[in-house]
Amino acid sequence: MTHAEQRLYLIQKLLSEDTRFQDVQIPENEQEQKDLLRSLMNIRPPRPAGKEFLRIQDEYLCRERDNAGVTDAESLPSLRSDKRLVLWQGDITTLRADAIVNAANSALLGCFYPLHSCIDNMVHSRSGIQLRLLCDNIMKRQGHDEPAGKAKITPAFNLPCKYILHTVGPIIYDRVTGKDCELLASCYRSCLELAARNGCRSIAFCCISTGEFHFPNLEAARTAIAVVKEFLKSDTIIEKVIFNVFKDKDLKIYEKLL
């Protein structure tokens, strides 16, 4: 089965799962097919899938991953001021590190909005449907929504990293309160502690809460840097912490602060 045939197979299987999609026409354009596949994965509820589907999905996503290119965390230059810190602008889902951090929502099931640009959507889209299934099992055992400031760890499935750390940041509705700042600090602290307990030597942080949750970028960066530096004073497990930025705005902020 070619890569294109795998994509069509996955689309057809996902369409066949729901009678609402029986009249959906599969486009001929490659990018439109990719968007349709990702959209179907985004909206798919956490239910089991067959072994053949998962095998082909994994092969397809791994090929997509390799075609997009992988960045090795070990190749990223450290800061002159601190050899354990790295500032890197790029797509965190392409990073080969021990752990990457996903800014999740309280349901911890990923983003259900088709083709949404948030990191939660990208992580689940490129990891595969197994991630939503596993997160659903975790949340059913927990019995309640994930509180802000905590962290959960899962395998990364088809991403190049080993683990994904899922954390829910504070949502800013008006002004930033002291509680908001402490919750954000707790997100970074919880991820670092969980990564260290699982033997992770490298961890990459996205800019938690600064997107859909509207935490001010500058204040969030200050919190992130302060918590990481304080943690590294006593931790001997983690050897590299990567501040991953995607927007030019955040790059300039971190460059100034670091």
C-alpha atoms as a PDB file:
ATOM      1  CA  MET A   1       0.000   0.000   0.000  1.00  0.00           C
ATOM      2  CA  THR A   2       1.468   3.362  -1.028  1.00  0.00           C
ATOM      3  CA  HIS A   3       1.427   6.421   1.221  1.00  0.00           C
ATOM      4  CA  ALA A   4      -1.457   7.894  -0.782  1.00  0.00           C
ATOM      5  CA  GLU A   5      -3.357   4.617  -0.578  1.00  0.00           C
ATOM      6  CA  GLN A   6      -2.865   4.552   3.185  1.00  0.00           C
ATOM      7  CA  ARG A   7      -4.333   8.039   3.454  1.00  0.00           C
ATOM      8  CA  LEU A   8      -7.401   7.053   1.415  1.00  0.00           C
ATOM      9  CA  TYR A   9      -7.843   3.878   3.461  1.00  0.00           C
ATOM     10  CA  LEU A  10      -7.802   5.837   6.725  1.00  0.00           C
ATOM     11  CA  ILE A  11     -10.245   8.430   5.425  1.00  0.00           C
ATOM     12  CA  GLN A  12     -12.655   5.770   4.161  1.00  0.00           C
ATOM     13  CA  LYS A  13     -12.532   3.881   7.455  1.00  0.00           C
ATOM     14  CA  LEU A  14     -13.211   7.009   9.499  1.00  0.00           C
ATOM     15  CA  LEU A  15     -16.050   8.092   7.222  1.00  0.00           C
ATOM     16  CA  SER A  16     -17.650   4.661   7.505  1.00  0.00           C
ATOM     17  CA  GLU A  17     -17.785   4.933  11.312  1.00  0.00           C
ATOM     18  CA  ASP A  18     -20.509   7.594  11.244  1.00  0.00           C
ATOM     19  CA  THR A  19     -23.636   7.644   9.083  1.00  0.00           C
ATOM     20  CA  ARG A  20     -23.552  11.453   9.075  1.00  0.00           C
ATOM     21  CA  PHE A  21     -20.539  11.235   6.757  1.00  0.00           C
ATOM     22  CA  GLN A  22     -22.067   8.886   4.178  1.00  0.00           C
ATOM     23  CA  ASP A  23     -22.392  11.656   1.567  1.00  0.00           C
ATOM     24  CA  VAL A  24     -18.937  13.175   2.110  1.00  0.00           C
ATOM     25  CA  GLN A  25     -16.893  13.154  -1.075  1.00  0.00           C
ATOM     26  CA  ILE A  26     -13.155  12.520  -0.786  1.00  0.00           C
ATOM     27  CA  PRO A  27     -11.274  15.291  -2.629  1.00  0.00           C
ATOM     28  CA  GLU A  28      -8.637  14.466  -5.225  1.00  0.00           C
ATOM     29  CA  ASN A  29      -6.200  17.134  -4.017  1.00  0.00           C
ATOM     30  CA  GLU A  30      -3.513  15.755  -1.704  1.00  0.00           C
ATOM     31  CA  GLN A  31      -3.577  18.620   0.806  1.00  0.00           C
ATOM     32  CA  GLU A  32      -7.360  18.571   0.946  1.00  0.00           C
ATOM     33  CA  GLN A  33      -7.217  14.850   1.658  1.00  0.00           C
ATOM     34  CA  LYS A  34      -4.725  15.469   4.470  1.00  0.00           C
ATOM     35  CA  ASP A  35      -6.987  18.145   5.929  1.00  0.00           C
ATOM     36  CA  LEU A  36      -9.992  15.833   5.755  1.00  0.00           C
ATOM     37  CA  LEU A  37      -8.106  13.030   7.476  1.00  0.00           C
ATOM     38  CA  ARG A  38      -6.917  15.313  10.250  1.00  0.00           C
ATOM     39  CA  SER A  39     -10.421  16.753  10.681  1.00  0.00           C
ATOM     40  CA  LEU A  40     -11.918  13.276  11.018  1.00  0.00           C
ATOM     41  CA  MET A  41      -9.281  12.364  13.592  1.00  0.00           C
ATOM     42  CA  ASN A  42      -9.971  15.612  15.478  1.00  0.00           C
ATOM     43  CA  ILE A  43     -13.697  14.970  15.862  1.00  0.00           C
ATOM     44  CA  ARG A  44     -13.499  11.209  16.424  1.00  0.00           C
ATOM     45  CA  PRO A  45     -14.697  10.283  19.935  1.00  0.00           C
ATOM     46  CA  PRO A  46     -12.449   8.060  22.078  1.00  0.00           C
ATOM     47  CA  ARG A  47     -13.570   4.610  20.973  1.00  0.00           C
ATOM     48  CA  PRO A  48     -11.538   1.518  20.085  1.00  0.00           C
ATOM     49  CA  ALA A  49     -10.151   0.988  16.601  1.00  0.00           C
ATOM     50  CA  GLY A  50      -9.110  -2.184  14.815  1.00  0.00           C
ATOM     51  CA  LYS A  51      -5.524  -3.422  14.762  1.00  0.00           C
ATOM     52  CA  GLU A  52      -5.255  -3.034  10.978  1.00  0.00           C
ATOM     53  CA  PHE A  53      -6.448   0.557  11.138  1.00  0.00           C
ATOM     54  CA  LEU A  54      -3.942   1.407  13.869  1.00  0.00           C
ATOM     55  CA  ARG A  55      -1.105  -0.320  12.016  1.00  0.00           C
ATOM     56  CA  ILE A  56      -1.752   1.647   8.822  1.00  0.00           C
ATOM     57  CA  GLN A  57      -2.333   4.863  10.754  1.00  0.00           C
ATOM     58  CA  ASP A  58       0.995   4.454  12.544  1.00  0.00           C
ATOM     59  CA  GLU A  59       2.837   3.781   9.289  1.00  0.00           C
ATOM     60  CA  TYR A  60       1.198   6.785   7.672  1.00  0.00           C
ATOM     61  CA  LEU A  61       1.894   9.193  10.550  1.00  0.00           C
ATOM     62  CA  CYS A  62       5.497   8.034  10.895  1.00  0.00           C
ATOM     63  CA  ARG A  63       6.039   8.660   7.188  1.00  0.00           C
ATOM     64  CA  GLU A  64       4.467  12.111   7.517  1.00  0.00           C
ATOM     65  CA  ARG A  65       6.692  12.800  10.519  1.00  0.00           C
ATOM     66  CA  ASP A  66       9.854  11.783   8.715  1.00  0.00           C
ATOM     67  CA  ASN A  67       8.905  13.743   5.587  1.00  0.00           C
ATOM     68  CA  ALA A  68       8.366  16.869   7.673  1.00  0.00           C
ATOM     69  CA  GLY A  69      11.775  16.470   9.310  1.00  0.00           C
ATOM     70  CA  VAL A  70      12.778  15.858  12.912  1.00  0.00           C
ATOM     71  CA  THR A  71      14.893  18.141  15.083  1.00  0.00           C
ATOM     72  CA  ASP A  72      17.105  16.411  17.638  1.00  0.00           C
ATOM     73  CA  ALA A  73      17.131  18.183  21.000  1.00  0.00           C
ATOM     74  CA  GLU A  74      20.775  17.226  21.439  1.00  0.00           C
ATOM     75  CA  SER A  75      21.684  19.327  18.406  1.00  0.00           C
ATOM     76  CA  LEU A  76      20.193  22.547  19.791  1.00  0.00           C
ATOM     77  CA  PRO A  77      22.737  25.042  21.151  1.00  0.00           C
ATOM     78  CA  SER A  78      22.533  25.890  24.836  1.00  0.00           C
ATOM     79  CA  LEU A  79      22.521  29.399  26.221  1.00  0.00           C
ATOM     80  CA  ARG A  80      25.908  30.855  27.063  1.00  0.00           C
ATOM     81  CA  SER A  81      24.600  31.888  30.470  1.00  0.00           C
ATOM     82  CA  ASP A  82      23.302  28.409  31.365  1.00  0.00           C
ATOM     83  CA  LYS A  83      24.255  25.201  29.548  1.00  0.00           C
ATOM     84  CA  ARG A  84      21.058  23.468  30.692  1.00  0.00           C
ATOM     85  CA  LEU A  85      18.766  25.970  28.971  1.00  0.00           C
ATOM     86  CA  VAL A  86      17.830  26.210  25.287  1.00  0.00           C
ATOM     87  CA  LEU A  87      15.684  28.688  23.383  1.00  0.00           C
ATOM     88  CA  TRP A  88      14.274  27.235  20.185  1.00  0.00           C
ATOM     89  CA  GLN A  89      11.715  28.502  17.694  1.00  0.00           C
ATOM     90  CA  GLY A  90       9.970  25.702  15.850  1.00  0.00           C
ATOM     91  CA  ASP A  91       7.234  23.084  15.810  1.00  0.00           C
ATOM     92  CA  ILE A  92       7.387  21.194  19.098  1.00  0.00           C
ATOM     93  CA  THR A  93       5.759  18.119  17.537  1.00  0.00           C
ATOM     94  CA  THR A  94       8.856  17.657  15.352  1.00  0.00           C
ATOM     95  CA  LEU A  95      11.259  17.654  18.300  1.00  0.00           C
ATOM     96  CA  ARG A  96      13.087  14.502  19.371  1.00  0.00           C
ATOM     97  CA  ALA A  97      13.404  14.981  23.121  1.00  0.00           C
ATOM     98  CA  ASP A  98      12.590  12.826  26.109  1.00  0.00           C
ATOM     99  CA  ALA A  99       9.433  14.844  26.800  1.00  0.00           C
ATOM    100  CA  ILE A 100       7.425  17.664  25.297  1.00  0.00           C
ATOM    101  CA  VAL A 101       4.719  19.619  27.091  1.00  0.00           C
ATOM    102  CA  ASN A 102       1.201  19.859  25.711  1.00  0.00           C
ATOM    103  CA  ALA A 103      -1.028  22.728  26.824  1.00  0.00           C
ATOM    104  CA  ALA A 104      -4.216  20.724  27.314  1.00  0.00           C
ATOM    105  CA  ASN A 105      -7.790  21.509  28.294  1.00  0.00           C
ATOM    106  CA  SER A 106      -9.452  20.209  31.450  1.00  0.00           C
ATOM    107  CA  ALA A 107     -11.041  17.230  29.648  1.00  0.00           C
ATOM    108  CA  LEU A 108      -7.530  16.123  28.631  1.00  0.00           C
ATOM    109  CA  LEU A 109      -8.899  14.514  25.452  1.00  0.00           C
ATOM    110  CA  GLY A 110      -7.343  16.844  22.909  1.00  0.00           C
ATOM    111  CA  CYS A 111      -8.952  19.533  20.775  1.00  0.00           C
ATOM    112  CA  PHE A 112     -12.144  18.491  18.958  1.00  0.00           C
ATOM    113  CA  TYR A 113     -12.230  21.526  16.626  1.00  0.00           C
ATOM    114  CA  PRO A 114     -11.247  20.364  13.108  1.00  0.00           C
ATOM    115  CA  LEU A 115      -7.890  21.771  11.949  1.00  0.00           C
ATOM    116  CA  HIS A 116      -7.593  24.081  14.949  1.00  0.00           C
ATOM    117  CA  SER A 117      -4.155  25.651  15.254  1.00  0.00           C
ATOM    118  CA  CYS A 118      -3.690  25.063  18.998  1.00  0.00           C
ATOM    119  CA  ILE A 119      -0.863  22.844  20.208  1.00  0.00           C
ATOM    120  CA  ASP A 120      -3.348  20.390  21.740  1.00  0.00           C
ATOM    121  CA  ASN A 121      -4.827  19.757  18.295  1.00  0.00           C
ATOM    122  CA  MET A 122      -1.429  19.366  16.648  1.00  0.00           C
ATOM    123  CA  VAL A 123      -0.124  16.978  19.300  1.00  0.00           C
ATOM    124  CA  HIS A 124      -3.143  14.681  19.061  1.00  0.00           C
ATOM    125  CA  SER A 125      -3.319  14.884  15.250  1.00  0.00           C
ATOM    126  CA  ARG A 126       0.289  13.795  14.802  1.00  0.00           C
ATOM    127  CA  SER A 127       0.435  11.368  17.705  1.00  0.00           C
ATOM    128  CA  GLY A 128      -2.561   9.333  16.518  1.00  0.00           C
ATOM    129  CA  ILE A 129      -5.938   8.323  17.879  1.00  0.00           C
ATOM    130  CA  GLN A 130      -4.326   6.095  20.520  1.00  0.00           C
ATOM    131  CA  LEU A 131      -3.474   9.213  22.514  1.00  0.00           C
ATOM    132  CA  ARG A 132      -7.120  10.238  22.913  1.00  0.00           C
ATOM    133  CA  LEU A 133      -8.038   6.670  23.835  1.00  0.00           C
ATOM    134  CA  LEU A 134      -5.365   6.530  26.527  1.00  0.00           C
ATOM    135  CA  CYS A 135      -6.253   9.970  27.892  1.00  0.00           C
ATOM    136  CA  ASP A 136      -9.907   8.921  28.036  1.00  0.00           C
ATOM    137  CA  ASN A 137      -8.951   5.883  30.140  1.00  0.00           C
ATOM    138  CA  ILE A 138      -6.863   8.061  32.438  1.00  0.00           C
ATOM    139  CA  MET A 139      -9.689  10.550  32.923  1.00  0.00           C
ATOM    140  CA  LYS A 140     -12.316   7.865  33.510  1.00  0.00           C
ATOM    141  CA  ARG A 141     -10.158   6.406  36.276  1.00  0.00           C
ATOM    142  CA  GLN A 142      -9.632   9.885  37.728  1.00  0.00           C
ATOM    143  CA  GLY A 143     -13.368  10.592  37.680  1.00  0.00           C
ATOM    144  CA  HIS A 144     -13.165  14.366  37.300  1.00  0.00           C
ATOM    145  CA  ASP A 145     -11.722  17.044  35.049  1.00  0.00           C
ATOM    146  CA  GLU A 146      -8.009  17.750  35.241  1.00  0.00           C
ATOM    147  CA  PRO A 147      -7.353  20.720  37.528  1.00  0.00           C
ATOM    148  CA  ALA A 148      -5.108  23.557  36.434  1.00  0.00           C
ATOM    149  CA  GLY A 149      -1.501  23.359  37.553  1.00  0.00           C
ATOM    150  CA  LYS A 150      -1.144  19.562  37.522  1.00  0.00           C
ATOM    151  CA  ALA A 151       0.406  17.248  34.902  1.00  0.00           C
ATOM    152  CA  LYS A 152      -0.130  13.812  33.390  1.00  0.00           C
ATOM    153  CA  ILE A 153       2.361  11.767  31.374  1.00  0.00           C
ATOM    154  CA  THR A 154       1.660   9.529  28.370  1.00  0.00           C
ATOM    155  CA  PRO A 155       3.686   7.850  25.657  1.00  0.00           C
ATOM    156  CA  ALA A 156       4.117   9.972  22.536  1.00  0.00           C
ATOM    157  CA  PHE A 157       3.046   7.234  20.094  1.00  0.00           C
ATOM    158  CA  ASN A 158       3.939   8.541  16.606  1.00  0.00           C
ATOM    159  CA  LEU A 159       5.713  11.725  17.668  1.00  0.00           C
ATOM    160  CA  PRO A 160       9.541  11.696  17.728  1.00  0.00           C
ATOM    161  CA  CYS A 161       9.690  12.369  21.480  1.00  0.00           C
ATOM    162  CA  LYS A 162       9.326   9.651  24.129  1.00  0.00           C
ATOM    163  CA  TYR A 163       6.680  11.203  26.350  1.00  0.00           C
ATOM    164  CA  ILE A 164       4.022  13.892  26.323  1.00  0.00           C
ATOM    165  CA  LEU A 165       3.370  15.853  29.501  1.00  0.00           C
ATOM    166  CA  HIS A 166      -0.189  17.195  29.533  1.00  0.00           C
ATOM    167  CA  THR A 167      -0.881  20.221  31.713  1.00  0.00           C
ATOM    168  CA  VAL A 168      -3.839  22.573  32.037  1.00  0.00           C
ATOM    169  CA  GLY A 169      -2.923  26.202  32.474  1.00  0.00           C
ATOM    170  CA  PRO A 170      -5.050  28.975  33.991  1.00  0.00           C
ATOM    171  CA  ILE A 171      -7.603  30.743  31.793  1.00  0.00           C
ATOM    172  CA  ILE A 172      -7.506  34.527  31.970  1.00  0.00           C
ATOM    173  CA  TYR A 173     -10.912  36.172  31.690  1.00  0.00           C
ATOM    174  CA  ASP A 174     -10.055  39.696  32.860  1.00  0.00           C
ATOM    175  CA  ARG A 175      -6.929  40.656  34.770  1.00  0.00           C
ATOM    176  CA  VAL A 176      -4.202  38.281  35.924  1.00  0.00           C
ATOM    177  CA  THR A 177      -4.470  37.413  39.608  1.00  0.00           C
ATOM    178  CA  GLY A 178      -1.918  36.061  42.024  1.00  0.00           C
ATOM    179  CA  LYS A 179      -3.708  32.709  41.893  1.00  0.00           C
ATOM    180  CA  ASP A 180      -3.341  32.659  38.095  1.00  0.00           C
ATOM    181  CA  CYS A 181       0.390  33.213  38.408  1.00  0.00           C
ATOM    182  CA  GLU A 182       0.748  30.446  40.970  1.00  0.00           C
ATOM    183  CA  LEU A 183      -1.270  28.027  38.832  1.00  0.00           C
ATOM    184  CA  LEU A 184       0.942  28.733  35.840  1.00  0.00           C
ATOM    185  CA  ALA A 185       4.052  28.264  37.971  1.00  0.00           C
ATOM    186  CA  SER A 186       2.564  24.991  39.196  1.00  0.00           C
ATOM    187  CA  CYS A 187       2.152  23.813  35.584  1.00  0.00           C
ATOM    188  CA  TYR A 188       5.881  24.195  34.950  1.00  0.00           C
ATOM    189  CA  ARG A 189       6.830  22.749  38.332  1.00  0.00           C
ATOM    190  CA  SER A 190       4.522  19.743  37.955  1.00  0.00           C
ATOM    191  CA  CYS A 191       5.880  18.956  34.498  1.00  0.00           C
ATOM    192  CA  LEU A 192       9.482  19.196  35.668  1.00  0.00           C
ATOM    193  CA  GLU A 193       8.838  16.955  38.675  1.00  0.00           C
ATOM    194  CA  LEU A 194       6.985  14.384  36.574  1.00  0.00           C
ATOM    195  CA  ALA A 195       9.688  14.413  33.905  1.00  0.00           C
ATOM    196  CA  ALA A 196      12.424  13.915  36.487  1.00  0.00           C
ATOM    197  CA  ARG A 197      10.519  11.048  38.167  1.00  0.00           C
ATOM    198  CA  ASN A 198      10.322   9.318  34.795  1.00  0.00           C
ATOM    199  CA  GLY A 199      14.028   9.726  34.076  1.00  0.00           C
ATOM    200  CA  CYS A 200      13.680  12.373  31.370  1.00  0.00           C
ATOM    201  CA  ARG A 201      16.929  14.126  30.614  1.00  0.00           C
ATOM    202  CA  SER A 202      15.418  16.649  28.220  1.00  0.00           C
ATOM    203  CA  ILE A 203      12.076  18.444  28.280  1.00  0.00           C
ATOM    204  CA  ALA A 204      10.584  21.035  25.930  1.00  0.00           C
ATOM    205  CA  PHE A 205       8.018  23.556  27.140  1.00  0.00           C
ATOM    206  CA  CYS A 206       5.535  25.326  24.920  1.00  0.00           C
ATOM    207  CA  CYS A 207       4.267  28.750  26.009  1.00  0.00           C
ATOM    208  CA  ILE A 208       1.584  27.419  28.365  1.00  0.00           C
ATOM    209  CA  SER A 209      -1.696  29.390  28.587  1.00  0.00           C
ATOM    210  CA  THR A 210      -0.595  32.189  26.256  1.00  0.00           C
ATOM    211  CA  GLY A 211      -2.765  31.140  23.315  1.00  0.00           C
ATOM    212  CA  GLU A 212      -6.455  30.330  23.726  1.00  0.00           C
ATOM    213  CA  PHE A 213      -6.179  30.864  27.507  1.00  0.00           C
ATOM    214  CA  HIS A 214      -4.979  34.494  27.102  1.00  0.00           C
ATOM    215  CA  PHE A 215      -2.213  34.655  29.728  1.00  0.00           C
ATOM    216  CA  PRO A 216      -0.038  37.718  28.917  1.00  0.00           C
ATOM    217  CA  ASN A 217       3.037  36.522  27.034  1.00  0.00           C
ATOM    218  CA  LEU A 218       5.642  38.530  28.921  1.00  0.00           C
ATOM    219  CA  GLU A 219       4.366  37.610  32.363  1.00  0.00           C
ATOM    220  CA  ALA A 220       4.056  33.961  31.346  1.00  0.00           C
ATOM    221  CA  ALA A 221       7.652  33.887  30.103  1.00  0.00           C
ATOM    222  CA  ARG A 222       8.915  35.431  33.337  1.00  0.00           C
ATOM    223  CA  THR A 223       7.088  32.764  35.338  1.00  0.00           C
ATOM    224  CA  ALA A 224       8.376  29.945  33.128  1.00  0.00           C
ATOM    225  CA  ILE A 225      12.002  31.026  33.374  1.00  0.00           C
ATOM    226  CA  ALA A 226      11.860  31.644  37.123  1.00  0.00           C
ATOM    227  CA  VAL A 227      10.348  28.230  37.909  1.00  0.00           C
ATOM    228  CA  VAL A 228      12.738  26.346  35.619  1.00  0.00           C
ATOM    229  CA  LYS A 229      15.835  28.044  37.000  1.00  0.00           C
ATOM    230  CA  GLU A 230      14.733  27.446  40.575  1.00  0.00           C
ATOM    231  CA  PHE A 231      13.991  23.767  39.881  1.00  0.00           C
ATOM    232  CA  LEU A 232      17.341  23.163  38.212  1.00  0.00           C
ATOM    233  CA  LYS A 233      19.175  24.410  41.290  1.00  0.00           C
ATOM    234  CA  SER A 234      18.388  21.152  43.082  1.00  0.00           C
ATOM    235  CA  ASP A 235      17.530  18.672  40.295  1.00  0.00           C
ATOM    236  CA  THR A 236      20.254  16.430  38.883  1.00  0.00           C
ATOM    237  CA  ILE A 237      18.156  14.370  36.439  1.00  0.00           C
ATOM    238  CA  ILE A 238      17.128  16.890  33.781  1.00  0.00           C
ATOM    239  CA  GLU A 239      20.054  17.996  31.669  1.00  0.00           C
ATOM    240  CA  LYS A 240      18.286  20.209  29.121  1.00  0.00           C
ATOM    241  CA  VAL A 241      15.184  22.397  29.320  1.00  0.00           C
ATOM    242  CA  ILE A 242      14.010  23.788  25.998  1.00  0.00           C
ATOM    243  CA  PHE A 243      11.864  26.902  25.890  1.00  0.00           C
ATOM    244  CA  ASN A 244       9.993  26.300  22.666  1.00  0.00           C
ATOM    245  CA  VAL A 245       8.419  29.320  20.984  1.00  0.00           C
ATOM    246  CA  PHE A 246       6.416  29.393  17.785  1.00  0.00           C
ATOM    247  CA  LYS A 247       5.592  33.074  17.337  1.00  0.00           C
ATOM    248  CA  ASP A 248       8.163  35.801  16.671  1.00  0.00           C
ATOM    249  CA  LYS A 249       6.587  37.774  19.520  1.00  0.00           C
ATOM    250  CA  ASP A 250       7.478  35.089  22.053  1.00  0.00           C
ATOM    251  CA  LEU A 251      10.952  34.640  20.590  1.00  0.00           C
ATOM    252  CA  LYS A 252      11.735  38.312  21.199  1.00  0.00           C
ATOM    253  CA  ILE A 253      10.376  38.131  24.738  1.00  0.00           C
ATOM    254  CA  TYR A 254      12.468  35.090  25.675  1.00  0.00           C
ATOM    255  CA  GLU A 255      15.571  36.479  23.988  1.00  0.00           C
ATOM    256  CA  LYS A 256      15.289  39.614  26.105  1.00  0.00           C
ATOM    257  CA  LEU A 257      14.613  37.764  29.365  1.00  0.00           C
ATOM    258  CA  LEU A 258      17.326  35.148  28.853  1.00  0.00           C
END
